[in-house]
Amino acid sequence: MHVAIAGNIGAGKTTLLDALTLALYGRVHRNKEVKEILSYGATECYAEVEFSSNKEIYRAKWNIWRARGKTDGNI
């Protein structure tokens, strides 16, 4: 099975790869600090991927949030 991720510039290909690697490994491939993944002004974010292997279904999740739901709260 071969898979291609294709699209125009700015279509979100890198964002998709970031979300996959974040859910599976807890970090992104560009070695960004985890706090840089959180969008400016956001108080939480998450990544989740569901996949199957050998007829079993697996789900990997990752999330991060700021304390007390405040934009200046600790991560």
C-alpha atoms as a PDB file:
ATOM      1  CA  MET A   1       0.000   0.000   0.000  1.00  0.00           C
ATOM      2  CA  HIS A   2       1.345   3.406  -0.994  1.00  0.00           C
ATOM      3  CA  VAL A   3       0.056   6.721   0.275  1.00  0.00           C
ATOM      4  CA  ALA A   4       0.789  10.220  -0.980  1.00  0.00           C
ATOM      5  CA  ILE A   5       0.068  13.492   0.750  1.00  0.00           C
ATOM      6  CA  ALA A   6      -0.408  16.024  -2.010  1.00  0.00           C
ATOM      7  CA  GLY A   7      -1.884  19.481  -2.302  1.00  0.00           C
ATOM      8  CA  ASN A   8      -1.255  23.106  -3.062  1.00  0.00           C
ATOM      9  CA  ILE A   9       1.147  25.251  -1.087  1.00  0.00           C
ATOM     10  CA  GLY A  10      -0.524  26.140   2.189  1.00  0.00           C
ATOM     11  CA  ALA A  11      -3.068  23.326   1.986  1.00  0.00           C
ATOM     12  CA  GLY A  12      -1.987  21.868   5.356  1.00  0.00           C
ATOM     13  CA  LYS A  13       0.261  18.949   4.394  1.00  0.00           C
ATOM     14  CA  THR A  14       2.874  19.784   7.033  1.00  0.00           C
ATOM     15  CA  THR A  15       0.177  20.411   9.636  1.00  0.00           C
ATOM     16  CA  LEU A  16      -1.192  16.939   8.951  1.00  0.00           C
ATOM     17  CA  LEU A  17       2.251  15.377   9.432  1.00  0.00           C
ATOM     18  CA  ASP A  18       2.762  17.424  12.601  1.00  0.00           C
ATOM     19  CA  ALA A  19      -0.530  16.133  14.032  1.00  0.00           C
ATOM     20  CA  LEU A  20       0.314  12.518  13.186  1.00  0.00           C
ATOM     21  CA  THR A  21       3.796  12.600  14.707  1.00  0.00           C
ATOM     22  CA  LEU A  22       2.546  14.538  17.719  1.00  0.00           C
ATOM     23  CA  ALA A  23      -0.182  11.979  18.455  1.00  0.00           C
ATOM     24  CA  LEU A  24       2.184   9.047  17.975  1.00  0.00           C
ATOM     25  CA  TYR A  25       5.433  10.350  19.483  1.00  0.00           C
ATOM     26  CA  GLY A  26       4.584  13.441  21.550  1.00  0.00           C
ATOM     27  CA  ARG A  27       6.736  15.758  19.433  1.00  0.00           C
ATOM     28  CA  VAL A  28       6.875  17.198  15.943  1.00  0.00           C
ATOM     29  CA  HIS A  29       9.476  16.356  13.355  1.00  0.00           C
ATOM     30  CA  ARG A  30      10.961  19.867  13.270  1.00  0.00           C
ATOM     31  CA  ASN A  31      12.007  19.659  16.939  1.00  0.00           C
ATOM     32  CA  LYS A  32       9.851  22.616  17.948  1.00  0.00           C
ATOM     33  CA  GLU A  33       9.309  23.138  21.636  1.00  0.00           C
ATOM     34  CA  VAL A  34       5.996  21.663  22.700  1.00  0.00           C
ATOM     35  CA  LYS A  35       4.686  25.065  23.798  1.00  0.00           C
ATOM     36  CA  GLU A  36       5.191  26.373  20.228  1.00  0.00           C
ATOM     37  CA  ILE A  37       2.580  23.914  18.987  1.00  0.00           C
ATOM     38  CA  LEU A  38      -0.145  25.694  20.940  1.00  0.00           C
ATOM     39  CA  SER A  39      -1.679  28.412  18.748  1.00  0.00           C
ATOM     40  CA  TYR A  40      -1.356  32.004  19.931  1.00  0.00           C
ATOM     41  CA  GLY A  41      -4.246  32.811  22.245  1.00  0.00           C
ATOM     42  CA  ALA A  42      -5.294  29.152  22.590  1.00  0.00           C
ATOM     43  CA  THR A  43      -5.566  27.524  25.994  1.00  0.00           C
ATOM     44  CA  GLU A  44      -5.511  23.886  24.867  1.00  0.00           C
ATOM     45  CA  CYS A  45      -4.782  21.670  21.896  1.00  0.00           C
ATOM     46  CA  TYR A  46      -4.720  17.995  21.068  1.00  0.00           C
ATOM     47  CA  ALA A  47      -3.798  15.531  18.356  1.00  0.00           C
ATOM     48  CA  GLU A  48      -5.374  12.130  17.851  1.00  0.00           C
ATOM     49  CA  VAL A  49      -4.850   9.426  15.255  1.00  0.00           C
ATOM     50  CA  GLU A  50      -6.665   6.116  14.852  1.00  0.00           C
ATOM     51  CA  PHE A  51      -5.145   3.321  12.782  1.00  0.00           C
ATOM     52  CA  SER A  52      -5.348  -0.412  12.300  1.00  0.00           C
ATOM     53  CA  SER A  53      -2.698  -3.106  12.146  1.00  0.00           C
ATOM     54  CA  ASN A  54      -3.208  -6.847  11.966  1.00  0.00           C
ATOM     55  CA  LYS A  55      -6.976  -6.340  12.216  1.00  0.00           C
ATOM     56  CA  GLU A  56      -6.604  -4.469  15.531  1.00  0.00           C
ATOM     57  CA  ILE A  57      -7.628  -0.826  15.922  1.00  0.00           C
ATOM     58  CA  TYR A  58      -5.384   1.548  17.849  1.00  0.00           C
ATOM     59  CA  ARG A  59      -5.783   5.166  18.927  1.00  0.00           C
ATOM     60  CA  ALA A  60      -2.931   7.475  19.919  1.00  0.00           C
ATOM     61  CA  LYS A  61      -3.635  10.800  21.651  1.00  0.00           C
ATOM     62  CA  TRP A  62      -1.635  13.795  22.814  1.00  0.00           C
ATOM     63  CA  ASN A  63      -2.851  16.967  24.482  1.00  0.00           C
ATOM     64  CA  ILE A  64      -1.597  20.063  26.243  1.00  0.00           C
ATOM     65  CA  TRP A  65      -3.328  22.903  28.071  1.00  0.00           C
ATOM     66  CA  ARG A  66      -2.631  26.066  29.977  1.00  0.00           C
ATOM     67  CA  ALA A  67      -3.359  26.286  33.696  1.00  0.00           C
ATOM     68  CA  ARG A  68      -6.846  27.418  34.645  1.00  0.00           C
ATOM     69  CA  GLY A  69      -7.729  27.836  30.954  1.00  0.00           C
ATOM     70  CA  LYS A  70      -5.964  31.200  30.833  1.00  0.00           C
ATOM     71  CA  THR A  71      -3.866  32.338  27.869  1.00  0.00           C
ATOM     72  CA  ASP A  72      -1.008  33.278  30.207  1.00  0.00           C
ATOM     73  CA  GLY A  73      -1.297  30.131  32.378  1.00  0.00           C
ATOM     74  CA  ASN A  74       1.566  27.672  32.763  1.00  0.00           C
ATOM     75  CA  ILE A  75       1.668  24.759  30.370  1.00  0.00           C
END
